[in-house]
C-alpha atoms as a PDB file:
ATOM      1  CA  MET A   1     144.086  50.258-128.640  1.00  0.00           C
ATOM      2  CA  PRO A   2     140.452  49.133-129.024  1.00  0.00           C
ATOM      3  CA  VAL A   3     139.572  45.616-127.948  1.00  0.00           C
ATOM      4  CA  SER A   4     136.453  43.919-129.259  1.00  0.00           C
ATOM      5  CA  GLY A   5     133.878  42.227-127.060  1.00  0.00           C
ATOM      6  CA  GLY A   6     134.320  44.572-124.107  1.00  0.00           C
ATOM      7  CA  THR A   7     137.586  43.066-122.961  1.00  0.00           C
ATOM      8  CA  GLN A   8     139.023  46.558-122.531  1.00  0.00           C
ATOM      9  CA  PHE A   9     136.863  46.871-119.390  1.00  0.00           C
ATOM     10  CA  LEU A  10     138.786  44.008-117.763  1.00  0.00           C
ATOM     11  CA  LYS A  11     142.240  44.246-116.210  1.00  0.00           C
ATOM     12  CA  PRO A  12     144.365  41.199-117.144  1.00  0.00           C
ATOM     13  CA  GLN A  13     146.505  41.335-113.985  1.00  0.00           C
ATOM     14  CA  GLU A  14     143.400  41.415-111.768  1.00  0.00           C
ATOM     15  CA  VAL A  15     141.733  38.589-113.694  1.00  0.00           C
ATOM     16  CA  LEU A  16     144.809  36.359-113.745  1.00  0.00           C
ATOM     17  CA  ALA A  17     145.568  36.975-110.054  1.00  0.00           C
ATOM     18  CA  SER A  18     142.478  34.937-109.168  1.00  0.00           C
ATOM     19  CA  LEU A  19     144.068  31.796-110.707  1.00  0.00           C
ATOM     20  CA  ASN A  20     147.356  31.431-108.785  1.00  0.00           C
ATOM     21  CA  VAL A  21     149.374  31.000-111.960  1.00  0.00           C
ATOM     22  CA  ILE A  22     152.869  29.592-111.449  1.00  0.00           C
ATOM     23  CA  GLU A  23     155.835  29.077-113.744  1.00  0.00           C
ATOM     24  CA  GLY A  24     155.838  25.892-115.782  1.00  0.00           C
ATOM     25  CA  MET A  25     152.055  25.583-116.151  1.00  0.00           C
ATOM     26  CA  LYS A  26     150.281  24.729-119.402  1.00  0.00           C
ATOM     27  CA  VAL A  27     147.561  27.267-120.077  1.00  0.00           C
ATOM     28  CA  ALA A  28     145.175  28.218-122.885  1.00  0.00           C
ATOM     29  CA  ASP A  29     142.971  31.131-123.841  1.00  0.00           C
ATOM     30  CA  LEU A  30     140.043  29.597-125.704  1.00  0.00           C
ATOM     31  CA  GLY A  31     138.984  32.451-127.976  1.00  0.00           C
ATOM     32  CA  CYS A  32     142.000  34.696-127.458  1.00  0.00           C
ATOM     33  CA  GLY A  33     140.962  37.627-129.648  1.00  0.00           C
ATOM     34  CA  ASN A  34     143.208  39.629-131.943  1.00  0.00           C
ATOM     35  CA  LEU A  35     145.372  41.301-129.307  1.00  0.00           C
ATOM     36  CA  GLY A  36     145.995  38.324-127.063  1.00  0.00           C
ATOM     37  CA  TYR A  37     144.803  40.546-124.232  1.00  0.00           C
ATOM     38  CA  PHE A  38     144.993  37.721-121.664  1.00  0.00           C
ATOM     39  CA  ILE A  39     147.247  35.101-123.243  1.00  0.00           C
ATOM     40  CA  ILE A  40     150.235  37.440-123.635  1.00  0.00           C
ATOM     41  CA  PRO A  41     150.420  38.287-119.893  1.00  0.00           C
ATOM     42  CA  LEU A  42     149.563  34.662-119.066  1.00  0.00           C
ATOM     43  CA  ALA A  43     152.440  33.417-121.247  1.00  0.00           C
ATOM     44  CA  LYS A  44     154.776  35.709-119.301  1.00  0.00           C
ATOM     45  CA  LEU A  45     153.494  34.334-115.977  1.00  0.00           C
ATOM     46  CA  VAL A  46     154.074  30.674-116.905  1.00  0.00           C
ATOM     47  CA  GLY A  47     157.585  31.497-118.114  1.00  0.00           C
ATOM     48  CA  LYS A  48     159.865  29.679-120.523  1.00  0.00           C
ATOM     49  CA  GLU A  49     159.188  26.303-118.866  1.00  0.00           C
ATOM     50  CA  GLY A  50     155.433  26.752-119.356  1.00  0.00           C
ATOM     51  CA  VAL A  51     153.318  26.629-122.490  1.00  0.00           C
ATOM     52  CA  ALA A  52     150.625  29.128-123.438  1.00  0.00           C
ATOM     53  CA  TYR A  53     148.150  28.245-126.176  1.00  0.00           C
ATOM     54  CA  ALA A  54     146.252  30.999-127.984  1.00  0.00           C
ATOM     55  CA  LEU A  55     143.146  29.551-129.653  1.00  0.00           C
ATOM     56  CA  ASP A  56     140.763  31.241-132.040  1.00  0.00           C
ATOM     57  CA  ILE A  57     138.609  30.368-135.024  1.00  0.00           C
ATOM     58  CA  GLN A  58     139.969  33.281-137.081  1.00  0.00           C
ATOM     59  CA  LYS A  59     143.402  32.652-138.534  1.00  0.00           C
ATOM     60  CA  SER A  60     144.040  36.388-138.944  1.00  0.00           C
ATOM     61  CA  VAL A  61     143.511  36.796-135.189  1.00  0.00           C
ATOM     62  CA  LEU A  62     146.094  34.107-134.504  1.00  0.00           C
ATOM     63  CA  ASP A  63     148.561  35.810-136.854  1.00  0.00           C
ATOM     64  CA  GLY A  64     148.112  39.036-134.881  1.00  0.00           C
ATOM     65  CA  VAL A  65     148.699  37.314-131.548  1.00  0.00           C
ATOM     66  CA  LYS A  66     151.770  35.523-132.911  1.00  0.00           C
ATOM     67  CA  SER A  67     153.195  38.854-134.127  1.00  0.00           C
ATOM     68  CA  ARG A  68     152.558  40.551-130.787  1.00  0.00           C
ATOM     69  CA  ALA A  69     154.206  37.665-128.908  1.00  0.00           C
ATOM     70  CA  LYS A  70     157.244  37.886-131.175  1.00  0.00           C
ATOM     71  CA  LEU A  71     157.505  41.653-130.643  1.00  0.00           C
ATOM     72  CA  GLU A  72     157.406  41.112-126.877  1.00  0.00           C
ATOM     73  CA  GLY A  73     160.014  38.351-126.983  1.00  0.00           C
ATOM     74  CA  ILE A  74     157.602  35.627-125.885  1.00  0.00           C
ATOM     75  CA  THR A  75     158.792  32.209-127.042  1.00  0.00           C
ATOM     76  CA  ASN A  76     156.426  29.874-125.154  1.00  0.00           C
ATOM     77  CA  LEU A  77     153.231  30.847-126.981  1.00  0.00           C
ATOM     78  CA  GLU A  78     151.669  28.530-129.548  1.00  0.00           C
ATOM     79  CA  THR A  79     148.719  29.517-131.710  1.00  0.00           C
ATOM     80  CA  VAL A  80     146.058  26.910-132.418  1.00  0.00           C
ATOM     81  CA  TRP A  81     143.252  27.294-134.943  1.00  0.00           C
ATOM     82  CA  ALA A  82     140.130  25.774-133.413  1.00  0.00           C
ATOM     83  CA  ASN A  83     136.371  25.643-133.593  1.00  0.00           C
ATOM     84  CA  LEU A  84     135.454  25.513-129.902  1.00  0.00           C
ATOM     85  CA  GLU A  85     131.986  24.179-130.695  1.00  0.00           C
ATOM     86  CA  LYS A  86     133.351  21.028-132.370  1.00  0.00           C
ATOM     87  CA  ALA A  87     134.153  18.273-129.866  1.00  0.00           C
ATOM     88  CA  GLY A  88     137.680  16.943-130.018  1.00  0.00           C
ATOM     89  CA  SER A  89     138.790  19.433-132.673  1.00  0.00           C
ATOM     90  CA  ILE A  90     141.291  21.304-130.528  1.00  0.00           C
ATOM     91  CA  GLN A  91     144.803  20.031-131.208  1.00  0.00           C
ATOM     92  CA  ILE A  92     145.945  20.081-127.590  1.00  0.00           C
ATOM     93  CA  PRO A  93     146.245  16.803-125.668  1.00  0.00           C
ATOM     94  CA  ALA A  94     143.226  15.967-123.510  1.00  0.00           C
ATOM     95  CA  GLY A  95     143.839  16.349-119.802  1.00  0.00           C
ATOM     96  CA  SER A  96     146.963  18.477-120.275  1.00  0.00           C
ATOM     97  CA  LEU A  97     146.006  22.017-119.224  1.00  0.00           C
ATOM     98  CA  ASP A  98     146.425  23.524-115.782  1.00  0.00           C
ATOM     99  CA  ILE A  99     144.319  26.573-116.672  1.00  0.00           C
ATOM    100  CA  ALA A 100     141.910  27.473-119.466  1.00  0.00           C
ATOM    101  CA  LEU A 101     140.189  30.798-120.070  1.00  0.00           C
ATOM    102  CA  LEU A 102     136.827  31.504-121.711  1.00  0.00           C
ATOM    103  CA  ILE A 103     136.599  35.278-121.545  1.00  0.00           C
ATOM    104  CA  ASN A 104     133.817  37.057-123.441  1.00  0.00           C
ATOM    105  CA  VAL A 105     133.370  34.014-125.643  1.00  0.00           C
ATOM    106  CA  LEU A 106     130.106  32.365-124.641  1.00  0.00           C
ATOM    107  CA  PHE A 107     127.809  35.248-125.619  1.00  0.00           C
ATOM    108  CA  GLN A 108     129.193  34.973-129.163  1.00  0.00           C
ATOM    109  CA  ASN A 109     128.386  31.271-129.591  1.00  0.00           C
ATOM    110  CA  LYS A 110     125.257  29.157-129.869  1.00  0.00           C
ATOM    111  CA  ASP A 111     126.544  25.815-128.601  1.00  0.00           C
ATOM    112  CA  ARG A 112     127.846  26.882-125.199  1.00  0.00           C
ATOM    113  CA  LYS A 113     127.500  23.374-123.812  1.00  0.00           C
ATOM    114  CA  ALA A 114     129.909  22.013-126.443  1.00  0.00           C
ATOM    115  CA  ILE A 115     132.435  24.738-125.619  1.00  0.00           C
ATOM    116  CA  ILE A 116     132.375  23.969-121.899  1.00  0.00           C
ATOM    117  CA  LYS A 117     132.601  20.237-122.603  1.00  0.00           C
ATOM    118  CA  GLU A 118     135.647  20.816-124.820  1.00  0.00           C
ATOM    119  CA  ALA A 119     137.286  23.042-122.185  1.00  0.00           C
ATOM    120  CA  ALA A 120     136.711  20.337-119.550  1.00  0.00           C
ATOM    121  CA  ARG A 121     138.243  17.716-121.882  1.00  0.00           C
ATOM    122  CA  LEU A 122     141.444  19.748-122.134  1.00  0.00           C
ATOM    123  CA  LEU A 123     141.873  20.295-118.388  1.00  0.00           C
ATOM    124  CA  LYS A 124     143.867  17.937-116.214  1.00  0.00           C
ATOM    125  CA  LYS A 125     142.385  16.726-112.930  1.00  0.00           C
ATOM    126  CA  GLY A 126     142.519  19.724-110.592  1.00  0.00           C
ATOM    127  CA  GLY A 127     142.858  22.111-113.557  1.00  0.00           C
ATOM    128  CA  LYS A 128     140.946  25.397-113.472  1.00  0.00           C
ATOM    129  CA  LEU A 129     138.607  26.975-115.979  1.00  0.00           C
ATOM    130  CA  LEU A 130     137.914  30.702-115.705  1.00  0.00           C
ATOM    131  CA  ILE A 131     134.768  31.879-117.453  1.00  0.00           C
ATOM    132  CA  ILE A 132     133.975  35.586-117.660  1.00  0.00           C
ATOM    133  CA  ASP A 133     131.051  37.016-119.581  1.00  0.00           C
ATOM    134  CA  TRP A 134     128.680  39.974-119.709  1.00  0.00           C
ATOM    135  CA  LYS A 135     126.094  40.429-116.970  1.00  0.00           C
ATOM    136  CA  LYS A 136     122.509  40.192-118.211  1.00  0.00           C
ATOM    137  CA  THR A 137     121.797  43.863-117.589  1.00  0.00           C
ATOM    138  CA  GLY A 138     120.772  46.586-119.960  1.00  0.00           C
ATOM    139  CA  ILE A 139     123.660  48.959-120.483  1.00  0.00           C
ATOM    140  CA  PRO A 140     124.066  51.167-123.549  1.00  0.00           C
ATOM    141  CA  PHE A 141     126.983  49.135-124.967  1.00  0.00           C
ATOM    142  CA  GLY A 142     128.094  45.550-125.304  1.00  0.00           C
ATOM    143  CA  PRO A 143     126.106  42.709-126.817  1.00  0.00           C
ATOM    144  CA  ALA A 144     122.306  42.735-126.844  1.00  0.00           C
ATOM    145  CA  VAL A 145     120.911  41.527-123.513  1.00  0.00           C
ATOM    146  CA  GLN A 146     119.280  38.489-125.167  1.00  0.00           C
ATOM    147  CA  LEU A 147     122.736  37.303-126.330  1.00  0.00           C
ATOM    148  CA  ARG A 148     124.217  37.510-122.850  1.00  0.00           C
ATOM    149  CA  VAL A 149     124.613  34.387-120.782  1.00  0.00           C
ATOM    150  CA  ASP A 150     123.214  33.750-117.324  1.00  0.00           C
ATOM    151  CA  SER A 151     125.945  32.541-114.974  1.00  0.00           C
ATOM    152  CA  SER A 152     123.539  30.112-113.253  1.00  0.00           C
ATOM    153  CA  GLU A 153     122.998  28.368-116.611  1.00  0.00           C
ATOM    154  CA  ILE A 154     126.762  28.014-117.030  1.00  0.00           C
ATOM    155  CA  LYS A 155     127.212  26.645-113.494  1.00  0.00           C
ATOM    156  CA  LYS A 156     124.679  23.882-114.253  1.00  0.00           C
ATOM    157  CA  MET A 157     126.329  23.026-117.580  1.00  0.00           C
ATOM    158  CA  SER A 158     129.782  22.976-116.018  1.00  0.00           C
ATOM    159  CA  ALA A 159     128.727  20.537-113.302  1.00  0.00           C
ATOM    160  CA  GLU A 160     127.625  18.084-116.031  1.00  0.00           C
ATOM    161  CA  PHE A 161     131.247  17.903-117.198  1.00  0.00           C
ATOM    162  CA  GLY A 162     132.874  17.422-113.800  1.00  0.00           C
ATOM    163  CA  LEU A 163     133.666  21.066-113.178  1.00  0.00           C
ATOM    164  CA  ASN A 164     133.064  22.247-109.610  1.00  0.00           C
ATOM    165  CA  LEU A 165     132.534  25.893-108.772  1.00  0.00           C
ATOM    166  CA  ILE A 166     135.310  27.113-106.477  1.00  0.00           C
ATOM    167  CA  GLU A 167     134.769  30.854-106.779  1.00  0.00           C
ATOM    168  CA  GLU A 168     132.181  33.234-108.154  1.00  0.00           C
ATOM    169  CA  LYS A 169     133.041  36.888-108.542  1.00  0.00           C
ATOM    170  CA  GLU A 170     132.313  40.081-110.366  1.00  0.00           C
ATOM    171  CA  PHE A 171     134.836  41.765-112.604  1.00  0.00           C
ATOM    172  CA  GLY A 172     134.010  45.443-112.686  1.00  0.00           C
ATOM    173  CA  ASP A 173     130.478  46.628-113.290  1.00  0.00           C
ATOM    174  CA  TYR A 174     129.758  44.644-116.437  1.00  0.00           C
ATOM    175  CA  PHE A 175     131.000  41.061-116.015  1.00  0.00           C
ATOM    176  CA  TRP A 176     130.435  37.961-113.909  1.00  0.00           C
ATOM    177  CA  GLY A 177     133.128  35.368-113.431  1.00  0.00           C
ATOM    178  CA  LEU A 178     133.318  31.720-112.425  1.00  0.00           C
ATOM    179  CA  VAL A 179     136.404  29.797-111.412  1.00  0.00           C
ATOM    180  CA  LEU A 180     135.741  26.088-111.874  1.00  0.00           C
ATOM    181  CA  GLN A 181     137.935  23.121-111.085  1.00  0.00           C
ATOM    182  CA  LYS A 182     137.942  19.728-112.789  1.00  0.00           C
ATOM    183  CA  ASN A 183     137.263  16.676-110.598  1.00  0.00           C
END
């Protein structure tokens, strides 16, 4: 099954293992994509007592994720239409999330600072934000190098919004990752 944005090069179990997900958490995938590649396994990890939010700007994408969740018997997943670049537009209570994901999202958007600010707003104190995006290297696939985001730029932006770097890692050959925690 093809996945857009290069997500097929990432292994959800490996990515999610770095977050110490436990049952009962409230989690969100900010820019979930049409297959719910990360939010479906994340919804399973947080269990029936947890809540998993799948956010995207395309309503058709959210319909696809909702259908997949239903087919897999997942009842704790809620879809939320959202423009990540618009402050305060996400209909999730501020300070309520334990974990938020921004995976292969930043290279697709112009106002990255607004997206990180919005993610920080949603996290509770001690909550974690995982950002994964394409390395700025020339490979024959993926987004154009000039669209790719430098992780050092994102670390600086994140610090402005009270997000401290707790781990920096590589995911395969093509992606960098940052695990940040809200003060």
